[in-house]
N, C-alpha and C. Protein backbone atom coordinates (compact mmCIF):
# COMPACT_ATOMS: atom_id res chain seq x y z
N UNK A 1 133.51 65.34 53.12
CA UNK A 1 133.20 65.26 54.58
C UNK A 1 132.75 66.59 55.15
N UNK A 2 131.82 66.52 56.11
CA UNK A 2 131.21 67.74 56.65
C UNK A 2 132.23 68.32 57.72
N UNK A 3 132.37 69.63 57.69
CA UNK A 3 133.16 70.28 58.77
C UNK A 3 132.16 70.57 59.96
N UNK A 4 132.49 70.01 61.15
CA UNK A 4 131.76 70.08 62.32
C UNK A 4 132.08 71.29 63.26
N UNK A 5 132.30 72.37 62.63
CA UNK A 5 132.62 73.59 63.47
C UNK A 5 131.38 74.59 63.63
N UNK A 6 131.52 75.41 64.55
CA UNK A 6 130.35 76.44 64.66
C UNK A 6 130.00 77.08 63.30
N UNK A 7 128.77 77.29 63.10
CA UNK A 7 128.33 77.88 61.90
C UNK A 7 128.24 76.81 60.70
N UNK A 8 128.14 75.58 61.08
CA UNK A 8 128.09 74.49 60.08
C UNK A 8 126.99 74.63 59.12
N UNK A 9 125.84 74.99 59.53
CA UNK A 9 124.74 75.07 58.62
C UNK A 9 125.00 76.03 57.47
N UNK A 10 125.69 77.11 57.73
CA UNK A 10 126.04 78.10 56.73
C UNK A 10 127.00 77.54 55.70
N UNK A 11 127.75 76.57 56.10
CA UNK A 11 128.88 76.01 55.20
C UNK A 11 128.40 74.73 54.43
N UNK A 12 127.16 74.04 54.78
CA UNK A 12 126.72 72.95 54.13
C UNK A 12 126.15 73.31 52.74
N UNK A 13 126.62 72.65 51.71
CA UNK A 13 126.10 72.93 50.42
C UNK A 13 124.60 72.26 50.40
N UNK A 14 123.75 72.75 49.44
CA UNK A 14 122.55 72.22 49.32
C UNK A 14 122.54 70.67 48.95
N UNK A 15 123.45 70.31 48.19
CA UNK A 15 123.65 68.90 47.78
C UNK A 15 124.05 68.05 48.96
N UNK A 16 124.90 68.44 49.99
CA UNK A 16 125.25 67.81 51.25
C UNK A 16 124.01 67.78 52.15
N UNK A 17 123.23 68.88 52.16
CA UNK A 17 122.13 68.88 53.06
C UNK A 17 120.96 67.87 52.53
N UNK A 18 120.75 67.84 51.29
CA UNK A 18 119.85 66.86 50.65
C UNK A 18 120.27 65.50 50.97
N UNK A 19 121.58 65.14 50.83
CA UNK A 19 122.09 63.79 51.10
C UNK A 19 121.90 63.51 52.54
N UNK A 20 122.10 64.39 53.46
CA UNK A 20 121.98 64.23 54.90
C UNK A 20 120.46 63.86 55.19
N UNK A 21 119.61 64.66 54.59
CA UNK A 21 118.07 64.39 54.82
C UNK A 21 117.72 63.15 54.35
N UNK A 22 118.23 62.62 53.19
CA UNK A 22 117.94 61.28 52.59
C UNK A 22 118.31 60.24 53.67
N UNK A 23 119.53 60.37 54.22
CA UNK A 23 120.03 59.38 55.20
C UNK A 23 119.13 59.35 56.43
N UNK A 24 118.78 60.50 56.86
CA UNK A 24 117.80 60.62 58.07
C UNK A 24 116.45 59.84 57.66
N UNK A 25 115.95 60.12 56.58
CA UNK A 25 114.63 59.58 56.08
C UNK A 25 114.71 58.04 56.03
N UNK A 26 115.72 57.56 55.47
CA UNK A 26 116.06 56.06 55.32
C UNK A 26 116.09 55.45 56.72
N UNK A 27 116.85 56.00 57.62
CA UNK A 27 116.99 55.58 58.98
C UNK A 27 115.60 55.50 59.68
N UNK A 28 114.81 56.53 59.56
CA UNK A 28 113.45 56.59 60.12
C UNK A 28 112.58 55.57 59.71
N UNK A 29 112.69 55.40 58.32
CA UNK A 29 111.76 54.23 57.78
C UNK A 29 112.19 52.86 58.22
N UNK A 30 113.49 52.70 58.28
CA UNK A 30 114.02 51.37 58.79
C UNK A 30 113.66 51.10 60.22
N UNK A 31 113.89 52.12 61.06
CA UNK A 31 113.49 51.92 62.56
C UNK A 31 112.04 51.75 62.79
N UNK A 32 111.23 52.41 62.04
CA UNK A 32 109.72 52.25 62.05
C UNK A 32 109.29 50.88 61.64
N UNK A 33 109.91 50.43 60.61
CA UNK A 33 109.64 49.05 60.19
C UNK A 33 110.03 47.99 61.17
N UNK A 34 111.16 48.23 61.79
CA UNK A 34 111.58 47.23 62.83
C UNK A 34 110.58 47.28 64.01
N UNK A 35 110.16 48.44 64.41
CA UNK A 35 109.15 48.52 65.59
C UNK A 35 107.92 47.97 65.25
N UNK A 36 107.38 47.92 63.99
CA UNK A 36 106.15 47.37 63.63
C UNK A 36 106.26 45.87 63.55
N UNK A 37 107.40 45.34 62.92
CA UNK A 37 107.60 43.90 62.70
C UNK A 37 107.89 43.09 64.00
N UNK A 38 108.59 43.72 64.87
CA UNK A 38 109.12 42.80 65.96
C UNK A 38 108.18 42.85 67.25
N UNK A 39 106.94 43.24 67.27
CA UNK A 39 106.13 43.36 68.40
C UNK A 39 105.55 41.98 68.79
N UNK A 40 105.05 41.90 69.95
CA UNK A 40 104.35 40.77 70.50
C UNK A 40 103.00 41.24 70.72
N UNK A 41 102.27 41.54 69.74
CA UNK A 41 100.88 42.08 69.89
C UNK A 41 101.01 43.55 70.31
N UNK A 42 101.78 44.31 69.50
CA UNK A 42 101.94 45.66 69.72
C UNK A 42 100.66 46.36 69.18
N UNK A 43 100.35 47.60 69.59
CA UNK A 43 99.19 48.28 69.14
C UNK A 43 99.46 49.33 68.05
N UNK A 44 99.83 48.68 66.97
CA UNK A 44 100.11 49.54 65.73
C UNK A 44 99.31 49.02 64.51
N UNK A 45 99.37 49.82 63.50
CA UNK A 45 98.60 49.35 62.25
C UNK A 45 99.21 48.02 61.68
N UNK A 46 98.32 47.23 61.15
CA UNK A 46 98.78 46.00 60.57
C UNK A 46 99.39 46.16 59.15
N UNK A 47 100.37 45.39 58.91
CA UNK A 47 100.98 45.40 57.58
C UNK A 47 100.05 44.64 56.65
N UNK A 48 100.11 44.99 55.34
CA UNK A 48 99.24 44.25 54.39
C UNK A 48 99.39 42.82 54.37
N UNK A 49 98.41 42.17 54.06
CA UNK A 49 98.34 40.63 54.09
C UNK A 49 99.24 40.18 53.12
N UNK A 50 99.91 39.05 53.45
CA UNK A 50 100.76 38.36 52.48
C UNK A 50 100.05 37.81 51.34
N UNK A 51 100.71 37.83 50.17
CA UNK A 51 100.00 37.26 48.98
C UNK A 51 100.07 35.83 48.88
N UNK A 52 101.16 35.26 49.48
CA UNK A 52 101.33 33.80 49.33
C UNK A 52 100.30 32.96 50.02
N UNK A 53 99.98 31.83 49.51
CA UNK A 53 99.02 30.95 50.10
C UNK A 53 99.65 30.24 51.35
N UNK A 54 99.02 30.44 52.45
CA UNK A 54 99.59 29.85 53.70
C UNK A 54 99.06 28.50 54.01
N UNK A 55 99.97 27.53 54.07
CA UNK A 55 99.59 26.14 54.48
C UNK A 55 99.74 26.03 55.96
N UNK A 56 98.92 25.21 56.60
CA UNK A 56 99.04 25.03 58.07
C UNK A 56 100.23 24.21 58.35
N UNK A 57 101.32 24.82 58.83
CA UNK A 57 102.54 24.06 59.14
C UNK A 57 102.20 23.12 60.38
N UNK A 58 101.34 23.54 61.21
CA UNK A 58 101.13 22.76 62.42
C UNK A 58 100.67 21.34 62.13
N UNK A 59 100.10 21.08 60.98
CA UNK A 59 99.81 19.70 60.60
C UNK A 59 101.03 18.92 60.47
N UNK A 60 102.23 19.51 60.18
CA UNK A 60 103.44 18.77 60.08
C UNK A 60 104.18 18.62 61.28
N UNK A 61 103.70 19.40 62.25
CA UNK A 61 104.56 19.46 63.54
C UNK A 61 104.07 18.14 64.40
N UNK A 62 104.97 17.87 65.28
CA UNK A 62 104.69 16.67 66.16
C UNK A 62 103.48 16.95 67.01
N UNK A 63 102.71 15.89 67.23
CA UNK A 63 101.49 15.99 67.97
C UNK A 63 101.57 15.27 69.40
N UNK A 64 102.84 15.08 69.87
CA UNK A 64 103.00 14.49 71.04
C UNK A 64 102.43 15.03 72.26
N UNK A 65 102.50 16.30 72.38
CA UNK A 65 101.97 17.09 73.64
C UNK A 65 100.53 17.63 73.41
N UNK A 66 99.77 17.29 72.25
CA UNK A 66 98.49 17.76 71.96
C UNK A 66 97.54 16.86 72.55
N UNK A 67 96.54 17.26 73.20
CA UNK A 67 95.57 16.40 73.85
C UNK A 67 94.08 16.90 73.87
N UNK A 68 93.70 18.14 73.94
CA UNK A 68 92.46 18.62 74.25
C UNK A 68 91.82 19.44 73.06
N UNK A 69 90.74 18.89 72.44
CA UNK A 69 90.15 19.61 71.37
C UNK A 69 89.51 21.01 71.71
N UNK A 70 89.78 22.01 70.94
CA UNK A 70 89.22 23.39 71.20
C UNK A 70 88.61 23.85 69.95
N UNK A 71 87.78 24.82 70.00
CA UNK A 71 87.25 25.56 68.74
C UNK A 71 87.37 26.99 69.04
N UNK A 72 87.55 27.83 68.04
CA UNK A 72 87.60 29.25 68.03
C UNK A 72 86.57 29.68 66.99
N UNK A 73 85.50 30.46 67.46
CA UNK A 73 84.52 30.88 66.57
C UNK A 73 84.63 32.41 66.30
N UNK A 74 84.74 32.75 65.02
CA UNK A 74 84.94 34.15 64.56
C UNK A 74 83.75 34.37 63.60
N UNK A 75 82.86 35.38 63.85
CA UNK A 75 81.73 35.76 62.97
C UNK A 75 81.00 34.49 62.53
N UNK A 76 80.66 33.55 63.35
CA UNK A 76 80.00 32.31 63.01
C UNK A 76 80.85 31.29 62.33
N UNK A 77 82.11 31.60 62.03
CA UNK A 77 82.91 30.54 61.39
C UNK A 77 83.83 30.00 62.44
N UNK A 78 83.96 28.60 62.36
CA UNK A 78 84.57 27.98 63.43
C UNK A 78 85.84 27.33 62.88
N UNK A 79 86.95 27.34 63.69
CA UNK A 79 88.23 26.67 63.34
C UNK A 79 88.49 25.79 64.53
N UNK A 80 89.03 24.72 64.25
CA UNK A 80 89.26 23.74 65.37
C UNK A 80 90.86 23.84 65.58
N UNK A 81 91.11 23.31 66.85
CA UNK A 81 92.53 23.27 67.30
C UNK A 81 92.62 22.25 68.38
N UNK A 82 93.80 22.27 69.05
CA UNK A 82 94.02 21.37 70.11
C UNK A 82 94.91 22.19 71.17
N UNK A 83 94.51 22.09 72.53
CA UNK A 83 95.33 22.61 73.61
C UNK A 83 96.37 21.65 73.88
N UNK A 84 97.53 22.00 74.32
CA UNK A 84 98.54 21.06 74.70
C UNK A 84 98.44 20.65 76.18
N UNK A 85 99.50 20.04 76.74
CA UNK A 85 99.40 19.49 78.18
C UNK A 85 100.24 20.42 79.02
N UNK A 86 100.65 21.55 78.71
CA UNK A 86 101.44 22.38 79.55
C UNK A 86 100.63 22.99 80.75
N UNK A 87 101.26 23.32 81.74
CA UNK A 87 100.54 24.01 82.84
C UNK A 87 99.80 25.26 82.40
N UNK A 88 100.37 25.91 81.55
CA UNK A 88 99.68 27.25 80.94
C UNK A 88 98.45 26.87 80.23
N UNK A 89 98.54 25.81 79.35
CA UNK A 89 97.33 25.39 78.62
C UNK A 89 96.24 24.96 79.59
N UNK A 90 96.63 24.22 80.52
CA UNK A 90 95.53 23.71 81.53
C UNK A 90 94.97 24.80 82.33
N UNK A 91 95.75 25.84 82.60
CA UNK A 91 95.23 27.12 83.27
C UNK A 91 94.27 27.82 82.29
N UNK A 92 94.58 27.95 81.13
CA UNK A 92 93.66 28.62 80.10
C UNK A 92 92.46 27.81 79.98
N UNK A 93 92.60 26.53 79.85
CA UNK A 93 91.45 25.69 79.63
C UNK A 93 90.36 25.97 80.85
N UNK A 94 90.75 26.15 81.98
CA UNK A 94 89.89 26.31 83.17
C UNK A 94 89.11 27.73 82.93
N UNK A 95 89.49 28.61 82.07
CA UNK A 95 88.87 29.77 81.84
C UNK A 95 87.76 29.72 80.72
N UNK A 96 87.78 28.66 79.93
CA UNK A 96 86.80 28.46 78.81
C UNK A 96 85.37 28.09 79.28
N UNK A 97 84.45 28.53 78.55
CA UNK A 97 84.48 29.29 77.31
C UNK A 97 84.86 30.75 77.67
N UNK A 98 85.62 31.38 76.72
CA UNK A 98 86.14 32.73 76.80
C UNK A 98 85.99 33.53 75.50
N UNK A 99 85.40 34.73 75.71
CA UNK A 99 85.15 35.55 74.56
C UNK A 99 86.34 36.69 74.60
N UNK A 100 87.02 36.85 73.58
CA UNK A 100 88.26 37.82 73.58
C UNK A 100 88.16 38.69 72.37
N UNK A 101 88.28 39.97 72.55
CA UNK A 101 88.36 40.89 71.54
C UNK A 101 89.80 40.94 71.06
N UNK A 102 90.01 40.37 69.73
CA UNK A 102 91.38 40.16 69.23
C UNK A 102 91.59 41.25 68.18
N UNK A 103 92.94 41.62 68.15
CA UNK A 103 93.41 42.76 67.15
C UNK A 103 94.38 42.11 66.35
N UNK A 104 94.35 42.26 65.07
CA UNK A 104 95.27 41.86 64.00
C UNK A 104 96.61 42.69 64.20
N UNK A 105 97.67 41.98 63.91
CA UNK A 105 99.01 42.62 63.99
C UNK A 105 99.95 42.06 63.07
N UNK A 106 100.47 42.96 62.20
CA UNK A 106 101.60 42.56 61.33
C UNK A 106 101.25 41.66 60.24
N UNK A 107 100.08 41.33 59.93
CA UNK A 107 99.75 40.35 58.90
C UNK A 107 100.24 38.92 59.40
N UNK A 108 100.25 38.81 60.60
CA UNK A 108 100.76 37.43 61.06
C UNK A 108 100.09 36.89 62.30
N UNK A 109 99.36 37.63 63.02
CA UNK A 109 98.70 37.25 64.23
C UNK A 109 97.53 38.06 64.64
N UNK A 110 96.67 37.48 65.57
CA UNK A 110 95.61 38.16 66.32
C UNK A 110 95.84 37.96 67.62
N UNK A 111 95.83 39.06 68.45
CA UNK A 111 96.04 38.96 69.88
C UNK A 111 94.97 39.63 70.60
N UNK A 112 94.83 39.26 71.88
CA UNK A 112 93.70 39.92 72.71
C UNK A 112 93.96 39.75 74.21
N UNK A 113 93.65 40.57 75.09
CA UNK A 113 93.82 40.51 76.47
C UNK A 113 92.86 39.52 77.24
N UNK A 114 93.34 38.96 78.23
CA UNK A 114 92.50 38.13 79.06
C UNK A 114 92.57 38.72 80.46
N UNK A 115 91.52 38.39 81.13
CA UNK A 115 91.32 39.04 82.53
C UNK A 115 92.23 38.37 83.59
N UNK A 116 92.40 37.05 83.60
CA UNK A 116 93.23 36.40 84.57
C UNK A 116 94.63 36.11 84.09
N UNK A 117 95.58 36.47 84.78
CA UNK A 117 96.98 36.23 84.46
C UNK A 117 97.22 34.74 84.75
N UNK A 118 97.99 34.15 83.70
CA UNK A 118 98.31 32.78 83.92
C UNK A 118 99.75 32.60 84.46
N UNK A 119 99.97 31.69 85.46
CA UNK A 119 101.28 31.38 85.97
C UNK A 119 102.12 30.63 84.85
N UNK A 120 103.25 31.14 84.54
CA UNK A 120 104.10 30.45 83.49
C UNK A 120 105.33 29.74 84.12
N UNK A 121 105.39 28.43 83.80
CA UNK A 121 106.52 27.58 84.28
C UNK A 121 107.17 26.87 83.29
N UNK A 122 106.63 26.75 82.11
CA UNK A 122 107.21 26.17 80.95
C UNK A 122 108.23 27.16 80.28
N UNK A 123 109.06 26.50 79.34
CA UNK A 123 110.04 27.43 78.58
C UNK A 123 109.29 28.20 77.59
N UNK A 124 109.45 29.55 77.61
CA UNK A 124 108.94 30.52 76.75
C UNK A 124 109.75 30.57 75.45
N UNK A 125 109.29 31.11 74.46
CA UNK A 125 109.96 31.19 73.06
C UNK A 125 109.90 32.65 72.49
N UNK A 126 110.74 32.97 71.73
CA UNK A 126 110.81 34.22 70.96
C UNK A 126 110.56 34.09 69.53
N UNK A 127 109.75 32.99 69.17
CA UNK A 127 109.46 32.78 67.70
C UNK A 127 108.18 31.94 67.72
N UNK A 128 107.48 31.68 66.53
CA UNK A 128 106.33 31.02 66.56
C UNK A 128 106.27 30.15 65.19
N UNK A 129 105.31 29.22 65.20
CA UNK A 129 105.07 28.39 64.04
C UNK A 129 103.63 28.73 63.76
N UNK A 130 103.20 28.80 62.51
CA UNK A 130 101.87 29.05 62.00
C UNK A 130 100.98 28.12 62.77
N UNK A 131 99.80 28.64 63.19
CA UNK A 131 98.84 27.92 63.90
C UNK A 131 99.03 27.95 65.37
N UNK A 132 100.13 28.42 65.96
CA UNK A 132 100.33 28.39 67.35
C UNK A 132 99.33 29.30 67.99
N UNK A 133 98.77 28.78 69.12
CA UNK A 133 97.97 29.57 70.01
C UNK A 133 98.91 29.78 71.21
N UNK A 134 99.07 31.09 71.54
CA UNK A 134 100.13 31.39 72.54
C UNK A 134 99.66 32.29 73.75
N UNK A 135 100.32 32.26 74.76
CA UNK A 135 100.07 33.15 75.86
C UNK A 135 101.31 34.04 76.10
N UNK A 136 101.17 35.35 76.21
CA UNK A 136 102.24 36.36 76.52
C UNK A 136 102.07 37.00 77.76
N UNK A 137 102.73 36.58 78.92
CA UNK A 137 102.59 37.13 80.15
C UNK A 137 102.88 38.73 80.28
N UNK A 138 103.81 39.12 79.38
CA UNK A 138 104.11 40.48 79.39
C UNK A 138 102.93 41.41 79.28
N UNK A 139 102.09 41.07 78.23
CA UNK A 139 100.88 41.76 78.00
C UNK A 139 99.58 41.12 78.47
N UNK A 140 99.71 39.96 79.11
CA UNK A 140 98.62 39.16 79.45
C UNK A 140 97.61 38.98 78.38
N UNK A 141 98.21 38.54 77.21
CA UNK A 141 97.33 38.28 76.05
C UNK A 141 97.52 36.80 75.45
N UNK A 142 96.49 36.48 74.80
CA UNK A 142 96.45 35.23 74.03
C UNK A 142 96.56 35.62 72.52
N UNK A 143 97.34 34.87 71.77
CA UNK A 143 97.46 35.15 70.26
C UNK A 143 97.33 33.93 69.53
N UNK A 144 96.95 34.09 68.32
CA UNK A 144 96.92 32.98 67.33
C UNK A 144 97.76 33.54 66.08
N UNK A 145 98.82 32.81 65.84
CA UNK A 145 99.68 33.11 64.79
C UNK A 145 99.30 32.35 63.56
N UNK A 146 99.12 33.05 62.47
CA UNK A 146 98.59 32.46 61.19
C UNK A 146 99.60 32.56 59.97
N UNK A 147 100.58 33.45 60.09
CA UNK A 147 101.40 33.52 58.86
C UNK A 147 102.92 34.08 59.20
N UNK A 148 103.78 33.22 58.75
CA UNK A 148 105.19 33.54 58.95
C UNK A 148 105.53 34.85 58.17
N UNK A 149 106.30 35.75 58.68
CA UNK A 149 106.63 37.02 57.94
C UNK A 149 108.12 36.91 57.81
N UNK A 150 108.64 37.94 57.25
CA UNK A 150 110.19 38.07 57.06
C UNK A 150 110.88 37.91 58.46
N UNK A 151 110.26 38.26 59.49
CA UNK A 151 110.84 38.28 60.81
C UNK A 151 109.97 37.58 61.72
N UNK A 152 110.06 36.26 61.94
CA UNK A 152 109.23 35.49 62.83
C UNK A 152 109.59 35.69 64.24
N UNK A 153 110.76 36.40 64.46
CA UNK A 153 111.16 36.54 65.89
C UNK A 153 110.38 37.60 66.58
N UNK A 154 110.12 37.28 67.84
CA UNK A 154 109.32 38.24 68.84
C UNK A 154 110.24 39.00 69.78
N UNK A 155 109.72 40.01 70.36
CA UNK A 155 110.51 40.76 71.33
C UNK A 155 110.10 40.39 72.76
N UNK A 156 109.03 39.62 72.93
CA UNK A 156 108.60 39.19 74.26
C UNK A 156 108.42 37.62 74.08
N UNK A 157 108.70 36.97 75.26
CA UNK A 157 108.54 35.54 75.26
C UNK A 157 106.99 35.15 75.26
N UNK A 158 106.71 34.13 74.46
CA UNK A 158 105.33 33.62 74.28
C UNK A 158 105.40 32.08 74.86
N UNK A 159 104.29 31.59 75.28
CA UNK A 159 104.18 30.25 75.74
C UNK A 159 103.08 29.59 74.96
N UNK A 160 103.48 28.50 74.14
CA UNK A 160 102.53 27.89 73.30
C UNK A 160 101.66 27.06 74.23
N UNK A 161 100.31 27.22 74.04
CA UNK A 161 99.32 26.59 74.66
C UNK A 161 98.40 25.61 73.83
N UNK A 162 98.69 25.85 72.58
CA UNK A 162 97.89 24.88 71.60
C UNK A 162 98.26 25.24 70.27
N UNK A 163 97.44 24.67 69.24
CA UNK A 163 97.61 24.90 67.87
C UNK A 163 96.23 24.90 67.21
N UNK A 164 96.10 25.75 66.20
CA UNK A 164 94.92 25.72 65.29
C UNK A 164 95.30 24.60 64.23
N UNK A 165 94.32 23.48 64.13
CA UNK A 165 94.66 22.54 63.19
C UNK A 165 93.85 22.59 61.87
N UNK A 166 92.96 23.48 61.76
CA UNK A 166 92.31 23.67 60.59
C UNK A 166 93.04 24.65 59.70
N UNK A 167 92.58 24.84 58.50
CA UNK A 167 93.18 25.73 57.47
C UNK A 167 93.23 27.06 58.03
N UNK A 168 94.35 27.88 57.89
CA UNK A 168 94.62 29.19 58.54
C UNK A 168 94.09 30.34 57.62
N UNK A 169 93.64 30.01 56.36
CA UNK A 169 93.48 31.09 55.49
C UNK A 169 92.40 32.10 55.93
N UNK A 170 91.45 31.62 56.69
CA UNK A 170 90.37 32.34 57.28
C UNK A 170 90.91 33.72 57.96
N UNK A 171 92.08 33.56 58.56
CA UNK A 171 92.60 34.75 59.28
C UNK A 171 93.07 35.79 58.30
N UNK A 172 93.39 35.55 57.09
CA UNK A 172 93.81 36.55 56.19
C UNK A 172 92.68 37.45 55.76
N UNK A 173 91.49 36.98 55.98
CA UNK A 173 90.28 37.77 55.48
C UNK A 173 89.51 38.48 56.62
N UNK A 174 90.11 38.40 57.84
CA UNK A 174 89.32 39.02 58.98
C UNK A 174 89.63 40.51 59.00
N UNK A 175 88.69 41.21 59.85
CA UNK A 175 88.81 42.66 60.02
C UNK A 175 90.00 42.89 61.03
N UNK A 176 90.40 44.19 61.19
CA UNK A 176 91.45 44.51 62.04
C UNK A 176 91.21 44.08 63.53
N UNK A 177 89.89 44.14 63.89
CA UNK A 177 89.43 43.67 65.16
C UNK A 177 88.27 42.74 65.11
N UNK A 178 88.39 41.55 65.83
CA UNK A 178 87.37 40.56 65.72
C UNK A 178 87.19 40.03 67.11
N UNK A 179 85.96 39.59 67.48
CA UNK A 179 85.68 38.96 68.79
C UNK A 179 85.69 37.48 68.47
N UNK A 180 86.59 36.68 69.28
CA UNK A 180 86.66 35.35 69.03
C UNK A 180 86.23 34.64 70.37
N UNK A 181 85.52 33.56 70.19
CA UNK A 181 85.15 32.77 71.23
C UNK A 181 85.84 31.47 71.27
N UNK A 182 86.62 31.15 72.32
CA UNK A 182 87.40 29.98 72.56
C UNK A 182 86.55 29.08 73.43
N UNK A 183 86.44 27.83 73.00
CA UNK A 183 85.74 26.87 73.89
C UNK A 183 86.17 25.46 73.65
N UNK A 184 85.94 24.58 74.57
CA UNK A 184 86.45 23.18 74.48
C UNK A 184 85.28 22.49 73.53
N UNK A 185 85.68 21.47 72.84
CA UNK A 185 84.90 20.82 71.93
C UNK A 185 84.34 19.48 72.60
């Protein structure tokens, strides 16, 4: 055990000092990892892409609240989806067509700011399902989630406004920043 009296540094052995520095380094790495993984569209470097083949979980999800066809075009490649019937989705629909500069985050999502703030009245969530198109009022951003990670929990509430119904593998091959065009089909 370390003696916490004045002049402590002079009494710490090299072995104790090395062990203390190892603990500090491990804590720093752990905290940095948590900060990167738990964002809701934070502005940090993306984690490497997952190796697993991502299936579109949204095809298995209930389609009771899905009603309006949407497309998202990225570098000339189009993916289809559906907007749901929530007030937030209806407000987003009135803004379409919309070009959004999206940024990849955490190997799981692309998010980007929108000009108009949407009023939120539905229940927000602190998690996501692959394929979710969400609105985050905290950052006034729209996001497309495409890959579950070790920690699908978010630090800010998101409001699901729709789903991508096409294969999500396209998102694994995108650049760190992409311009995406959302429009009704």
